[in-house]
Amino acid sequence: MAFWLDRHNRSCCVCYLLSYVAFIREVQIMTKKFLSVIFVLFVYLSVSVTAFAEGDMPRLYDSADLLTDSEESSLQSRIDEVSEKYKVEVIIATVETVGDYTADEFVESYYDINDYGYGETRDGVLLLVSMEERDYRILSNGLGADAISPDDIEDIGDAIVSSLSDGYYADAFNTFIDECEYQIDGEINGFPFKFMKNLLISLAIGLVIALIVTGSMRSKLKSVKKKAAATEYTKPGSMKVTYSTDFFLYRVVDRQKKESSSSGSSGSSRNVGGGKF
C-alpha cells in the first residue's frame, strides 16, 4: 500500500512538473507576442508623431526609389503648387509591390489610410506605381473625381504609359501633374471646356460637309425657278377655284427644361482606373 502511494505521488509530481513546464512555455510565447505587439505599436506611434510634427503625409512617396534627389525635389514643388492652388491634393506614390492586394484595393486603402484630400469630400488625385506587378492606378476623389472622370483617367494613362514603360519616371510624373492641373482648372474655371472645344470642331466639320453637299445639289438645280403661287404650276385654264378658306393644321411649341438647384450630397464620388506598363 505504501509502495502504491509513493508511486502515485511520484506520478502526480511528474504531471505537475510537466504542467508547470507547459505553463512556463505558454507564458514565454505570450510574452514574446505581447512584446512584438508593443514594438509594432511603438513604431507606429513614432511614425505617427513624426508625421504629425512635420505636417500632412507626403504628397510624393518614392518607396521604389525611382527618382533622383533633384527629380524628387522638383516634382514635390510642382505637386505642392498645384495642390495648394486648386485645393485638390495631387499625390504620387511608388511601391515595390502591392503584396496580396489588388492594385485597385491598394490604391484605395493607401488614399484612405493616409487621409489624403482637401475638405469634407477629401478632394484629390492619386497616382500609384507598383514595380513588381508593373501596374499603375489613378484614383480621383471628391472634386478630383468631378474633374477627372473614368474617361479622363484612361486618357491620362495613355499619356504616361510609354514613359513608365521606358523608365522615364520623372517625365511620366510631370505629365501626370500637368494633366491633373489641366482637368482641375477646367472643372473649377468653366468646365466643360473640352466639350466646347470638341463641339466647335464638330460644328466646323459639319459645316464644311454641309456646304459641299448643298453646293453640289444647288449646281444640279440651276434650271429650277421658285414660283410665287401654286397656280403657276398648273396649266392655264385647266383649274377654276370657286371657294377657298384657311384651316388650322398644327402649331409648334418649343419647350425648354428649367434646371432646378440642389444642395448636393454630403458624400464624395470616386473614380479608379489604370493598367499595365
C-alpha atoms as a PDB file:
ATOM      1  CA  MET A   1       0.000   0.000   0.000  1.00  0.00           C
ATOM      2  CA  ALA A   2       2.800   2.388   0.951  1.00  0.00           C
ATOM      3  CA  PHE A   3       4.611   1.480  -2.272  1.00  0.00           C
ATOM      4  CA  TRP A   4       1.497   2.275  -4.316  1.00  0.00           C
ATOM      5  CA  LEU A   5       1.062   5.663  -2.603  1.00  0.00           C
ATOM      6  CA  ASP A   6       4.706   6.505  -3.194  1.00  0.00           C
ATOM      7  CA  ARG A   7       4.382   5.577  -6.849  1.00  0.00           C
ATOM      8  CA  HIS A   8       1.164   7.562  -7.125  1.00  0.00           C
ATOM      9  CA  ASN A   9       2.790  10.607  -5.545  1.00  0.00           C
ATOM     10  CA  ARG A  10       5.713  10.418  -7.951  1.00  0.00           C
ATOM     11  CA  SER A  11       3.313  10.229 -10.900  1.00  0.00           C
ATOM     12  CA  CYS A  12       1.472  13.279  -9.630  1.00  0.00           C
ATOM     13  CA  CYS A  13       4.725  15.147  -9.183  1.00  0.00           C
ATOM     14  CA  VAL A  14       5.733  14.347 -12.758  1.00  0.00           C
ATOM     15  CA  CYS A  15       2.340  15.525 -14.016  1.00  0.00           C
ATOM     16  CA  TYR A  16       2.613  18.718 -12.019  1.00  0.00           C
ATOM     17  CA  LEU A  17       6.121  19.280 -13.300  1.00  0.00           C
ATOM     18  CA  LEU A  18       5.089  18.753 -16.925  1.00  0.00           C
ATOM     19  CA  SER A  19       2.105  21.051 -16.455  1.00  0.00           C
ATOM     20  CA  TYR A  20       4.349  23.694 -14.940  1.00  0.00           C
ATOM     21  CA  VAL A  21       6.828  23.448 -17.826  1.00  0.00           C
ATOM     22  CA  ALA A  22       3.988  23.723 -20.360  1.00  0.00           C
ATOM     23  CA  PHE A  23       2.623  26.723 -18.488  1.00  0.00           C
ATOM     24  CA  ILE A  24       6.030  28.423 -18.467  1.00  0.00           C
ATOM     25  CA  ARG A  25       6.401  27.839 -22.222  1.00  0.00           C
ATOM     26  CA  GLU A  26       2.927  29.272 -22.876  1.00  0.00           C
ATOM     27  CA  VAL A  27       3.795  32.318 -20.775  1.00  0.00           C
ATOM     28  CA  GLN A  28       7.026  32.780 -22.744  1.00  0.00           C
ATOM     29  CA  ILE A  29       5.160  32.565 -26.072  1.00  0.00           C
ATOM     30  CA  MET A  30       2.518  35.032 -24.915  1.00  0.00           C
ATOM     31  CA  THR A  31       5.236  37.347 -23.599  1.00  0.00           C
ATOM     32  CA  LYS A  32       7.004  37.312 -26.969  1.00  0.00           C
ATOM     33  CA  LYS A  33       3.746  38.049 -28.782  1.00  0.00           C
ATOM     34  CA  PHE A  34       2.962  40.838 -26.351  1.00  0.00           C
ATOM     35  CA  LEU A  35       6.409  42.372 -26.783  1.00  0.00           C
ATOM     36  CA  SER A  36       6.040  42.121 -30.575  1.00  0.00           C
ATOM     37  CA  VAL A  37       2.723  43.952 -30.430  1.00  0.00           C
ATOM     38  CA  ILE A  38       4.244  46.595 -28.153  1.00  0.00           C
ATOM     39  CA  PHE A  39       7.155  47.046 -30.578  1.00  0.00           C
ATOM     40  CA  VAL A  40       4.875  47.432 -33.616  1.00  0.00           C
ATOM     41  CA  LEU A  41       2.693  49.859 -31.691  1.00  0.00           C
ATOM     42  CA  PHE A  42       5.764  51.838 -30.644  1.00  0.00           C
ATOM     43  CA  VAL A  43       6.995  52.077 -34.232  1.00  0.00           C
ATOM     44  CA  TYR A  44       3.529  53.095 -35.458  1.00  0.00           C
ATOM     45  CA  LEU A  45       3.232  55.791 -32.792  1.00  0.00           C
ATOM     46  CA  SER A  46       6.729  57.042 -33.570  1.00  0.00           C
ATOM     47  CA  VAL A  47       5.907  57.378 -37.268  1.00  0.00           C
ATOM     48  CA  SER A  48       2.558  58.991 -36.497  1.00  0.00           C
ATOM     49  CA  VAL A  49       4.095  61.528 -34.131  1.00  0.00           C
ATOM     50  CA  THR A  50       6.798  62.337 -36.680  1.00  0.00           C
ATOM     51  CA  ALA A  51       4.235  62.791 -39.445  1.00  0.00           C
ATOM     52  CA  PHE A  52       2.099  64.968 -37.188  1.00  0.00           C
ATOM     53  CA  ALA A  53       5.086  67.101 -36.261  1.00  0.00           C
ATOM     54  CA  GLU A  54       6.127  67.579 -39.860  1.00  0.00           C
ATOM     55  CA  GLY A  55       2.593  68.241 -41.176  1.00  0.00           C
ATOM     56  CA  ASP A  56       0.484  66.243 -43.604  1.00  0.00           C
ATOM     57  CA  MET A  57       1.521  62.956 -45.150  1.00  0.00           C
ATOM     58  CA  PRO A  58       3.938  63.460 -48.066  1.00  0.00           C
ATOM     59  CA  ARG A  59       2.346  64.012 -51.451  1.00  0.00           C
ATOM     60  CA  LEU A  60       5.318  62.363 -53.153  1.00  0.00           C
ATOM     61  CA  TYR A  61       6.305  58.970 -51.739  1.00  0.00           C
ATOM     62  CA  ASP A  62       9.021  57.212 -53.750  1.00  0.00           C
ATOM     63  CA  SER A  63       9.318  53.926 -51.877  1.00  0.00           C
ATOM     64  CA  ALA A  64      10.536  52.131 -55.035  1.00  0.00           C
ATOM     65  CA  ASP A  65      13.388  54.675 -55.354  1.00  0.00           C
ATOM     66  CA  LEU A  66      12.693  55.545 -58.990  1.00  0.00           C
ATOM     67  CA  LEU A  67      13.714  59.213 -58.783  1.00  0.00           C
ATOM     68  CA  THR A  68      16.918  61.128 -58.196  1.00  0.00           C
ATOM     69  CA  ASP A  69      17.047  63.681 -55.399  1.00  0.00           C
ATOM     70  CA  SER A  70      16.778  66.587 -57.839  1.00  0.00           C
ATOM     71  CA  GLU A  71      13.831  64.990 -59.660  1.00  0.00           C
ATOM     72  CA  GLU A  72      12.087  64.329 -56.376  1.00  0.00           C
ATOM     73  CA  SER A  73      12.611  67.909 -55.201  1.00  0.00           C
ATOM     74  CA  SER A  74      11.313  69.366 -58.480  1.00  0.00           C
ATOM     75  CA  LEU A  75       8.248  67.116 -58.523  1.00  0.00           C
ATOM     76  CA  GLN A  76       7.475  67.838 -54.875  1.00  0.00           C
ATOM     77  CA  SER A  77       7.471  71.591 -55.532  1.00  0.00           C
ATOM     78  CA  ARG A  78       5.223  71.174 -58.565  1.00  0.00           C
ATOM     79  CA  ILE A  79       2.801  68.904 -56.695  1.00  0.00           C
ATOM     80  CA  ASP A  80       2.548  71.316 -53.762  1.00  0.00           C
ATOM     81  CA  GLU A  81       1.984  74.250 -56.126  1.00  0.00           C
ATOM     82  CA  VAL A  82      -0.929  72.608 -57.950  1.00  0.00           C
ATOM     83  CA  SER A  83      -2.445  71.130 -54.775  1.00  0.00           C
ATOM     84  CA  GLU A  84      -2.458  74.391 -52.852  1.00  0.00           C
ATOM     85  CA  LYS A  85      -3.595  76.480 -55.829  1.00  0.00           C
ATOM     86  CA  TYR A  86      -6.757  74.467 -56.507  1.00  0.00           C
ATOM     87  CA  LYS A  87      -7.263  72.861 -53.074  1.00  0.00           C
ATOM     88  CA  VAL A  88      -7.294  69.459 -54.756  1.00  0.00           C
ATOM     89  CA  GLU A  89      -4.486  67.288 -53.422  1.00  0.00           C
ATOM     90  CA  VAL A  90      -2.244  65.690 -56.046  1.00  0.00           C
ATOM     91  CA  ILE A  91      -0.333  62.635 -54.801  1.00  0.00           C
ATOM     92  CA  ILE A  92       2.222  60.308 -56.413  1.00  0.00           C
ATOM     93  CA  ALA A  93       3.325  57.074 -54.728  1.00  0.00           C
ATOM     94  CA  THR A  94       5.679  54.330 -55.921  1.00  0.00           C
ATOM     95  CA  VAL A  95       5.971  50.923 -54.233  1.00  0.00           C
ATOM     96  CA  GLU A  96       7.899  47.738 -54.914  1.00  0.00           C
ATOM     97  CA  THR A  97       4.762  45.586 -54.689  1.00  0.00           C
ATOM     98  CA  VAL A  98       1.133  45.689 -53.589  1.00  0.00           C
ATOM     99  CA  GLY A  99       1.537  42.300 -51.925  1.00  0.00           C
ATOM    100  CA  ASP A 100      -1.627  40.247 -51.541  1.00  0.00           C
ATOM    101  CA  TYR A 101      -3.822  43.203 -52.509  1.00  0.00           C
ATOM    102  CA  THR A 102      -5.063  44.028 -55.968  1.00  0.00           C
ATOM    103  CA  ALA A 103      -3.839  47.334 -57.357  1.00  0.00           C
ATOM    104  CA  ASP A 104      -7.346  48.803 -57.006  1.00  0.00           C
ATOM    105  CA  GLU A 105      -7.607  47.727 -53.365  1.00  0.00           C
ATOM    106  CA  PHE A 106      -4.147  49.035 -52.567  1.00  0.00           C
ATOM    107  CA  VAL A 107      -4.622  52.486 -54.122  1.00  0.00           C
ATOM    108  CA  GLU A 108      -7.937  52.999 -52.299  1.00  0.00           C
ATOM    109  CA  SER A 109      -6.531  51.794 -48.966  1.00  0.00           C
ATOM    110  CA  TYR A 110      -3.447  53.972 -49.382  1.00  0.00           C
ATOM    111  CA  TYR A 111      -5.572  57.057 -50.050  1.00  0.00           C
ATOM    112  CA  ASP A 112      -7.945  56.378 -47.150  1.00  0.00           C
ATOM    113  CA  ILE A 113      -5.424  55.289 -44.515  1.00  0.00           C
ATOM    114  CA  ASN A 114      -3.239  58.346 -45.111  1.00  0.00           C
ATOM    115  CA  ASP A 115      -6.330  60.577 -45.066  1.00  0.00           C
ATOM    116  CA  TYR A 116      -5.447  62.414 -48.274  1.00  0.00           C
ATOM    117  CA  GLY A 117      -7.654  65.076 -49.827  1.00  0.00           C
ATOM    118  CA  TYR A 118      -8.955  68.548 -49.040  1.00  0.00           C
ATOM    119  CA  GLY A 119     -12.138  69.251 -47.104  1.00  0.00           C
ATOM    120  CA  GLU A 120     -15.001  67.005 -46.095  1.00  0.00           C
ATOM    121  CA  THR A 121     -15.167  65.405 -49.539  1.00  0.00           C
ATOM    122  CA  ARG A 122     -11.385  64.798 -49.473  1.00  0.00           C
ATOM    123  CA  ASP A 123     -10.732  66.277 -52.909  1.00  0.00           C
ATOM    124  CA  GLY A 124      -7.660  64.749 -54.501  1.00  0.00           C
ATOM    125  CA  VAL A 125      -5.987  62.696 -57.229  1.00  0.00           C
ATOM    126  CA  LEU A 126      -3.514  59.865 -56.607  1.00  0.00           C
ATOM    127  CA  LEU A 127      -1.161  58.059 -58.980  1.00  0.00           C
ATOM    128  CA  LEU A 128       0.197  54.728 -57.717  1.00  0.00           C
ATOM    129  CA  VAL A 129       3.001  52.825 -59.472  1.00  0.00           C
ATOM    130  CA  SER A 130       3.796  49.224 -58.442  1.00  0.00           C
ATOM    131  CA  MET A 131       7.043  47.898 -59.888  1.00  0.00           C
ATOM    132  CA  GLU A 132       6.773  44.135 -59.318  1.00  0.00           C
ATOM    133  CA  GLU A 133       3.300  43.897 -60.836  1.00  0.00           C
ATOM    134  CA  ARG A 134       4.048  46.616 -63.453  1.00  0.00           C
ATOM    135  CA  ASP A 135       0.736  48.228 -62.555  1.00  0.00           C
ATOM    136  CA  TYR A 136      -0.291  51.853 -62.388  1.00  0.00           C
ATOM    137  CA  ARG A 137      -3.519  53.120 -60.888  1.00  0.00           C
ATOM    138  CA  ILE A 138      -5.110  56.566 -60.836  1.00  0.00           C
ATOM    139  CA  LEU A 139      -7.674  57.452 -58.169  1.00  0.00           C
ATOM    140  CA  SER A 140      -9.714  60.661 -58.234  1.00  0.00           C
ATOM    141  CA  ASN A 141     -11.887  61.628 -55.277  1.00  0.00           C
ATOM    142  CA  GLY A 142     -14.424  64.360 -54.488  1.00  0.00           C
ATOM    143  CA  LEU A 143     -13.835  67.413 -56.668  1.00  0.00           C
ATOM    144  CA  GLY A 144     -10.962  65.460 -58.191  1.00  0.00           C
ATOM    145  CA  ALA A 145     -13.486  62.866 -59.397  1.00  0.00           C
ATOM    146  CA  ASP A 146     -15.694  65.605 -60.853  1.00  0.00           C
ATOM    147  CA  ALA A 147     -12.714  66.970 -62.774  1.00  0.00           C
ATOM    148  CA  ILE A 148     -11.170  63.629 -63.744  1.00  0.00           C
ATOM    149  CA  SER A 149     -13.736  61.114 -64.976  1.00  0.00           C
ATOM    150  CA  PRO A 150     -13.059  57.450 -65.864  1.00  0.00           C
ATOM    151  CA  ASP A 151     -12.543  58.527 -69.490  1.00  0.00           C
ATOM    152  CA  ASP A 152     -10.084  61.199 -68.347  1.00  0.00           C
ATOM    153  CA  ILE A 153      -8.226  58.600 -66.275  1.00  0.00           C
ATOM    154  CA  GLU A 154      -7.888  56.486 -69.411  1.00  0.00           C
ATOM    155  CA  ASP A 155      -6.594  59.498 -71.362  1.00  0.00           C
ATOM    156  CA  ILE A 156      -4.058  60.355 -68.650  1.00  0.00           C
ATOM    157  CA  GLY A 157      -2.948  56.725 -68.597  1.00  0.00           C
ATOM    158  CA  ASP A 158      -2.384  56.826 -72.351  1.00  0.00           C
ATOM    159  CA  ALA A 159      -0.292  59.973 -71.882  1.00  0.00           C
ATOM    160  CA  ILE A 160       2.057  58.475 -69.257  1.00  0.00           C
ATOM    161  CA  VAL A 161       2.241  54.745 -70.026  1.00  0.00           C
ATOM    162  CA  SER A 162       5.009  54.956 -72.638  1.00  0.00           C
ATOM    163  CA  SER A 163       7.266  56.972 -70.307  1.00  0.00           C
ATOM    164  CA  LEU A 164       6.630  54.486 -67.498  1.00  0.00           C
ATOM    165  CA  SER A 165       7.436  51.562 -69.796  1.00  0.00           C
ATOM    166  CA  ASP A 166      10.679  53.201 -70.956  1.00  0.00           C
ATOM    167  CA  GLY A 167      11.771  54.027 -67.409  1.00  0.00           C
ATOM    168  CA  TYR A 168      11.368  57.801 -67.731  1.00  0.00           C
ATOM    169  CA  TYR A 169       9.510  58.049 -64.456  1.00  0.00           C
ATOM    170  CA  ALA A 170      10.085  61.754 -63.816  1.00  0.00           C
ATOM    171  CA  ASP A 171       8.690  62.562 -67.274  1.00  0.00           C
ATOM    172  CA  ALA A 172       5.641  60.394 -66.610  1.00  0.00           C
ATOM    173  CA  PHE A 173       5.012  62.057 -63.258  1.00  0.00           C
ATOM    174  CA  ASN A 174       5.405  65.567 -64.703  1.00  0.00           C
ATOM    175  CA  THR A 175       2.910  64.682 -67.429  1.00  0.00           C
ATOM    176  CA  PHE A 176       0.527  63.354 -64.783  1.00  0.00           C
ATOM    177  CA  ILE A 177       0.738  66.618 -62.828  1.00  0.00           C
ATOM    178  CA  ASP A 178       0.193  68.697 -65.982  1.00  0.00           C
ATOM    179  CA  GLU A 179      -2.845  66.636 -66.978  1.00  0.00           C
ATOM    180  CA  CYS A 180      -4.311  66.906 -63.477  1.00  0.00           C
ATOM    181  CA  GLU A 181      -3.879  70.678 -63.457  1.00  0.00           C
ATOM    182  CA  TYR A 182      -5.475  70.939 -66.909  1.00  0.00           C
ATOM    183  CA  GLN A 183      -8.534  68.938 -65.867  1.00  0.00           C
ATOM    184  CA  ILE A 184      -8.944  70.530 -62.428  1.00  0.00           C
ATOM    185  CA  ASP A 185      -8.572  74.064 -63.789  1.00  0.00           C
ATOM    186  CA  GLY A 186     -11.240  73.316 -66.367  1.00  0.00           C
ATOM    187  CA  GLU A 187     -13.620  71.976 -63.719  1.00  0.00           C
ATOM    188  CA  ILE A 188     -13.164  74.989 -61.432  1.00  0.00           C
ATOM    189  CA  ASN A 189     -12.936  77.747 -64.050  1.00  0.00           C
ATOM    190  CA  GLY A 190     -15.642  76.809 -66.512  1.00  0.00           C
ATOM    191  CA  PHE A 191     -15.976  73.122 -67.181  1.00  0.00           C
ATOM    192  CA  PRO A 192     -16.614  71.545 -69.658  1.00  0.00           C
ATOM    193  CA  PHE A 193     -14.039  73.337 -71.785  1.00  0.00           C
ATOM    194  CA  LYS A 194     -13.142  70.141 -73.628  1.00  0.00           C
ATOM    195  CA  PHE A 195     -16.770  69.677 -74.626  1.00  0.00           C
ATOM    196  CA  MET A 196     -16.899  73.177 -76.118  1.00  0.00           C
ATOM    197  CA  LYS A 197     -13.678  72.547 -77.992  1.00  0.00           C
ATOM    198  CA  ASN A 198     -14.967  69.261 -79.391  1.00  0.00           C
ATOM    199  CA  LEU A 199     -18.325  70.870 -80.169  1.00  0.00           C
ATOM    200  CA  LEU A 200     -16.700  73.665 -82.178  1.00  0.00           C
ATOM    201  CA  ILE A 201     -14.583  71.164 -84.085  1.00  0.00           C
ATOM    202  CA  SER A 202     -17.647  69.022 -84.833  1.00  0.00           C
ATOM    203  CA  LEU A 203     -19.650  72.052 -85.957  1.00  0.00           C
ATOM    204  CA  ALA A 204     -16.841  73.183 -88.241  1.00  0.00           C
ATOM    205  CA  ILE A 205     -16.560  69.734 -89.826  1.00  0.00           C
ATOM    206  CA  GLY A 206     -20.345  69.516 -90.202  1.00  0.00           C
ATOM    207  CA  LEU A 207     -20.491  72.972 -91.784  1.00  0.00           C
ATOM    208  CA  VAL A 208     -17.832  72.086 -94.351  1.00  0.00           C
ATOM    209  CA  ILE A 209     -19.622  68.846 -95.258  1.00  0.00           C
ATOM    210  CA  ALA A 210     -22.977  70.658 -95.489  1.00  0.00           C
ATOM    211  CA  LEU A 211     -21.526  73.328 -97.790  1.00  0.00           C
ATOM    212  CA  ILE A 212     -20.047  70.687-100.065  1.00  0.00           C
ATOM    213  CA  VAL A 213     -23.283  68.671-100.249  1.00  0.00           C
ATOM    214  CA  THR A 214     -25.622  71.645-100.694  1.00  0.00           C
ATOM    215  CA  GLY A 215     -23.275  73.219-103.222  1.00  0.00           C
ATOM    216  CA  SER A 216     -23.372  70.064-105.285  1.00  0.00           C
ATOM    217  CA  MET A 217     -27.180  69.879-105.079  1.00  0.00           C
ATOM    218  CA  ARG A 218     -27.565  73.538-105.950  1.00  0.00           C
ATOM    219  CA  SER A 219     -25.458  73.180-109.060  1.00  0.00           C
ATOM    220  CA  LYS A 220     -27.874  70.500-110.304  1.00  0.00           C
ATOM    221  CA  LEU A 221     -30.951  72.696-109.743  1.00  0.00           C
ATOM    222  CA  LYS A 222     -29.935  75.854-111.610  1.00  0.00           C
ATOM    223  CA  SER A 223     -32.775  75.388-114.131  1.00  0.00           C
ATOM    224  CA  VAL A 224     -35.415  75.388-111.415  1.00  0.00           C
ATOM    225  CA  LYS A 225     -37.020  78.726-110.514  1.00  0.00           C
ATOM    226  CA  LYS A 226     -39.062  79.492-107.447  1.00  0.00           C
ATOM    227  CA  LYS A 227     -42.812  80.044-108.050  1.00  0.00           C
ATOM    228  CA  ALA A 228     -44.775  82.585-106.028  1.00  0.00           C
ATOM    229  CA  ALA A 229     -48.103  80.678-106.065  1.00  0.00           C
ATOM    230  CA  ALA A 230     -49.340  77.143-106.591  1.00  0.00           C
ATOM    231  CA  THR A 231     -51.429  78.194-109.602  1.00  0.00           C
ATOM    232  CA  GLU A 232     -48.258  78.796-111.535  1.00  0.00           C
ATOM    233  CA  TYR A 233     -47.663  75.044-111.509  1.00  0.00           C
ATOM    234  CA  THR A 234     -50.994  74.328-113.272  1.00  0.00           C
ATOM    235  CA  LYS A 235     -51.875  74.519-116.932  1.00  0.00           C
ATOM    236  CA  PRO A 236     -53.562  77.830-117.721  1.00  0.00           C
ATOM    237  CA  GLY A 237     -57.391  77.461-117.844  1.00  0.00           C
ATOM    238  CA  SER A 238     -57.351  73.894-116.545  1.00  0.00           C
ATOM    239  CA  MET A 239     -58.421  74.737-112.954  1.00  0.00           C
ATOM    240  CA  LYS A 240     -61.034  77.152-111.631  1.00  0.00           C
ATOM    241  CA  VAL A 241     -61.164  77.929-107.892  1.00  0.00           C
ATOM    242  CA  THR A 242     -64.701  78.794-106.735  1.00  0.00           C
ATOM    243  CA  TYR A 243     -64.094  78.792-102.964  1.00  0.00           C
ATOM    244  CA  SER A 244     -61.061  78.954-100.662  1.00  0.00           C
ATOM    245  CA  THR A 245     -60.543  79.038 -96.879  1.00  0.00           C
ATOM    246  CA  ASP A 246     -57.785  78.527 -94.293  1.00  0.00           C
ATOM    247  CA  PHE A 247     -57.651  75.554 -91.933  1.00  0.00           C
ATOM    248  CA  PHE A 248     -55.592  75.363 -88.715  1.00  0.00           C
ATOM    249  CA  LEU A 249     -53.409  72.291 -89.014  1.00  0.00           C
ATOM    250  CA  TYR A 250     -50.853  72.380 -86.178  1.00  0.00           C
ATOM    251  CA  ARG A 251     -48.595  74.582 -84.127  1.00  0.00           C
ATOM    252  CA  VAL A 252     -45.009  74.225 -82.927  1.00  0.00           C
ATOM    253  CA  VAL A 253     -44.284  74.639 -79.204  1.00  0.00           C
ATOM    254  CA  ASP A 254     -40.663  74.964 -78.133  1.00  0.00           C
ATOM    255  CA  ARG A 255     -40.234  73.727 -74.560  1.00  0.00           C
ATOM    256  CA  GLN A 256     -37.026  74.067 -72.543  1.00  0.00           C
ATOM    257  CA  LYS A 257     -36.314  72.243 -69.320  1.00  0.00           C
ATOM    258  CA  LYS A 258     -35.618  74.505 -66.363  1.00  0.00           C
ATOM    259  CA  GLU A 259     -32.776  73.167 -64.249  1.00  0.00           C
ATOM    260  CA  SER A 260     -33.510  73.009 -60.542  1.00  0.00           C
ATOM    261  CA  SER A 261     -30.856  73.864 -57.992  1.00  0.00           C
ATOM    262  CA  SER A 262     -29.921  71.374 -55.302  1.00  0.00           C
ATOM    263  CA  SER A 263     -27.641  71.367 -52.300  1.00  0.00           C
ATOM    264  CA  GLY A 264     -25.860  68.227 -53.420  1.00  0.00           C
ATOM    265  CA  SER A 265     -24.811  65.157 -51.494  1.00  0.00           C
ATOM    266  CA  SER A 266     -22.635  65.128 -48.403  1.00  0.00           C
ATOM    267  CA  GLY A 267     -20.761  62.114 -49.733  1.00  0.00           C
ATOM    268  CA  SER A 268     -17.879  62.170 -52.191  1.00  0.00           C
ATOM    269  CA  SER A 269     -17.563  60.432 -55.529  1.00  0.00           C
ATOM    270  CA  ARG A 270     -14.553  58.350 -56.549  1.00  0.00           C
ATOM    271  CA  ASN A 271     -13.072  57.007 -59.778  1.00  0.00           C
ATOM    272  CA  VAL A 272     -10.330  54.391 -60.081  1.00  0.00           C
ATOM    273  CA  GLY A 273      -8.628  53.159 -63.243  1.00  0.00           C
ATOM    274  CA  GLY A 274      -5.297  52.222 -64.741  1.00  0.00           C
ATOM    275  CA  GLY A 275      -3.420  49.403 -66.414  1.00  0.00           C
ATOM    276  CA  LYS A 276      -0.045  47.788 -67.071  1.00  0.00           C
ATOM    277  CA  PHE A 277       3.156  49.441 -68.235  1.00  0.00           C
END
